[in-house]
Amino acid sequence: MKALTMHQPWASLIALGEKKIETRNWATYYRGRLAIHAAKIFHDDGWEFAAYEPCFSVLASHGLKRDELPLGCVLAIVDLESVVMTEYASVSIVHPLSAQERAFGNFGPKRFAWEMKVLRRFTEPIPARGYQGLWDFDERSAGL
């Protein structure tokens, strides 16, 4: 299966089902099952983002603190349902964009909205090395 490495806290927000749209500066033709991998490094911008609203409260509602977010592991399997330019996201994506969804993504011009639905969240994240772009995750070696 394909996988996507994301920085924290955005990877956890996707895995928790609180962020349904990942925004990227590139598109993909791939659709289907996608492993969400948390990068091994917690960058400063993510660390700061997790300390402010609405991220702080969303994580807290799941009993999580930013210094407890897992790194270097697969957190969930999602279904990548659609990829559209952000200019069209509010009219082409099934559900309307909430204020929270807008706060969790960069919906600026010339970006792409990847709509995802969580299929499975792992209670025990699966350690894995991540890569840039879409990469192959061997789900059999992970015992899935």
Protein backbone atom coordinates (compact mmCIF):
# COMPACT_ATOMS: atom_id res chain seq x y z
CA MET A 1 0.00 0.00 0.00
CA LYS A 2 1.08 3.59 -0.49
CA ALA A 3 2.06 5.76 2.48
CA LEU A 4 2.40 9.47 3.15
CA THR A 5 4.79 10.90 5.73
CA MET A 6 3.43 13.92 7.57
CA HIS A 7 4.78 16.07 10.36
CA GLN A 8 3.18 16.19 13.77
CA PRO A 9 0.65 17.31 14.91
CA TRP A 10 -1.01 17.07 11.48
CA ALA A 11 -0.37 13.31 11.21
CA SER A 12 -2.17 12.70 14.50
CA LEU A 13 -5.01 15.04 13.58
CA ILE A 14 -5.61 12.93 10.44
CA ALA A 15 -5.36 9.65 12.39
CA LEU A 16 -7.84 10.91 14.98
CA GLY A 17 -10.31 11.84 12.23
CA GLU A 18 -10.22 15.50 13.27
CA LYS A 19 -8.52 16.61 10.03
CA LYS A 20 -10.18 15.18 6.96
CA ILE A 21 -8.32 17.19 4.34
CA GLU A 22 -4.56 17.33 3.94
CA THR A 23 -3.34 20.25 1.85
CA ARG A 24 -0.25 19.86 -0.29
CA ASN A 25 1.55 21.78 -3.02
CA TRP A 26 1.37 18.71 -5.26
CA ALA A 27 -1.35 16.38 -6.51
CA THR A 28 -1.48 12.64 -7.07
CA TYR A 29 -3.57 10.40 -9.29
CA TYR A 30 -3.45 7.73 -6.56
CA ARG A 31 -6.75 6.90 -4.82
CA GLY A 32 -7.41 4.25 -2.22
CA ARG A 33 -5.83 2.97 0.95
CA LEU A 34 -3.02 5.14 2.29
CA ALA A 35 -0.91 4.67 5.42
CA ILE A 36 -0.41 7.86 7.44
CA HIS A 37 3.14 8.01 8.78
CA ALA A 38 4.36 10.49 11.39
CA ALA A 39 7.81 11.86 10.55
CA LYS A 40 10.59 11.17 13.04
CA ILE A 41 11.26 14.87 13.65
CA PHE A 42 8.84 17.29 15.30
CA HIS A 43 9.54 20.57 13.49
CA ASP A 44 9.30 23.92 15.28
CA ASP A 45 6.27 25.06 13.27
CA GLY A 46 4.35 21.93 14.26
CA TRP A 47 5.46 22.21 17.88
CA GLU A 48 4.17 25.79 18.00
CA PHE A 49 0.96 24.96 16.09
CA ALA A 50 0.11 22.24 18.63
CA ALA A 51 0.28 24.77 21.48
CA TYR A 52 -2.49 27.00 20.11
CA GLU A 53 -6.19 26.72 19.37
CA PRO A 54 -7.88 24.85 17.91
CA CYS A 55 -5.14 22.19 17.80
CA PHE A 56 -4.39 22.27 21.53
CA SER A 57 -8.03 21.61 22.51
CA VAL A 58 -8.57 18.96 19.85
CA LEU A 59 -5.53 16.99 21.01
CA ALA A 60 -6.55 17.45 24.66
CA SER A 61 -10.05 16.12 23.89
CA HIS A 62 -8.31 12.86 22.91
CA GLY A 63 -6.12 12.90 26.01
CA LEU A 64 -2.99 13.89 24.08
CA LYS A 65 -0.29 16.47 24.73
CA ARG A 66 2.10 17.65 22.04
CA ASP A 67 5.11 16.06 23.75
CA GLU A 68 3.32 12.68 23.67
CA LEU A 69 2.64 12.56 19.93
CA PRO A 70 4.31 9.54 18.31
CA LEU A 71 7.16 10.01 15.83
CA GLY A 72 8.65 7.71 13.18
CA CYS A 73 5.65 5.41 12.88
CA VAL A 74 2.48 4.60 10.97
CA LEU A 75 -0.57 5.86 12.85
CA ALA A 76 -3.51 4.95 10.65
CA ILE A 77 -4.83 3.72 7.35
CA VAL A 78 -7.08 6.12 5.45
CA ASP A 79 -8.95 6.05 2.19
CA LEU A 80 -7.72 8.83 -0.09
CA GLU A 81 -11.02 9.67 -1.76
CA SER A 82 -10.28 12.74 -3.85
CA VAL A 83 -7.66 15.35 -4.70
CA VAL A 84 -8.80 18.76 -5.93
CA MET A 85 -7.27 22.21 -6.21
CA THR A 86 -7.92 24.16 -3.02
CA GLU A 87 -9.76 26.85 -4.98
CA TYR A 88 -12.45 24.25 -5.66
CA ALA A 89 -12.34 22.38 -2.34
CA SER A 90 -15.35 24.08 -0.80
CA VAL A 91 -17.60 23.14 -3.73
CA SER A 92 -16.26 19.74 -4.81
CA ILE A 93 -15.58 18.01 -1.51
CA VAL A 94 -18.56 16.18 -0.05
CA HIS A 95 -18.67 17.99 3.28
CA PRO A 96 -18.37 21.77 3.71
CA LEU A 97 -15.09 23.11 5.04
CA SER A 98 -15.44 23.87 8.74
CA ALA A 99 -13.50 26.57 10.55
CA GLN A 100 -11.47 23.81 12.21
CA GLU A 101 -10.64 22.20 8.87
CA ARG A 102 -9.54 25.57 7.49
CA ALA A 103 -7.37 26.14 10.58
CA PHE A 104 -5.69 22.73 10.12
CA GLY A 105 -4.70 23.25 6.46
CA ASN A 106 -3.24 25.73 4.01
CA PHE A 107 -6.03 26.41 1.52
CA GLY A 108 -4.07 29.08 -0.34
CA PRO A 109 -3.94 29.29 -4.14
CA LYS A 110 -2.20 26.67 -6.27
CA ARG A 111 -2.45 23.99 -3.58
CA PHE A 112 -4.29 20.67 -3.49
CA ALA A 113 -6.83 19.34 -1.01
CA TRP A 114 -6.53 15.60 -0.35
CA GLU A 115 -9.80 14.31 1.13
CA MET A 116 -9.30 11.35 3.45
CA LYS A 117 -11.50 9.08 5.53
CA VAL A 118 -9.97 7.07 8.40
CA LEU A 119 -10.37 3.33 7.90
CA ARG A 120 -8.25 2.14 10.82
CA ARG A 121 -6.35 3.89 13.61
CA PHE A 122 -3.65 1.88 15.35
CA THR A 123 -3.72 1.86 19.15
CA GLU A 124 -0.04 0.90 18.96
CA PRO A 125 1.69 2.87 16.17
CA ILE A 126 3.86 0.78 13.84
CA PRO A 127 7.51 1.89 13.72
CA ALA A 128 8.58 2.63 10.15
CA ARG A 129 10.98 4.77 8.22
CA GLY A 130 9.29 7.50 6.19
CA TYR A 131 10.10 9.05 2.84
CA GLN A 132 9.15 12.11 0.82
CA GLY A 133 6.25 11.82 -1.59
CA LEU A 134 4.12 8.71 -1.74
CA TRP A 135 6.07 5.60 -0.84
CA ASP A 136 5.39 1.88 -0.50
CA PHE A 137 4.53 0.59 2.97
CA ASP A 138 4.79 -3.19 3.32
CA GLU A 139 1.69 -3.90 5.35
CA ARG A 140 2.46 -7.65 5.49
CA SER A 141 5.80 -7.10 7.23
CA ALA A 142 3.96 -4.89 9.73
CA GLY A 143 1.58 -7.76 10.50
CA LEU A 144 -1.52 -6.21 8.91
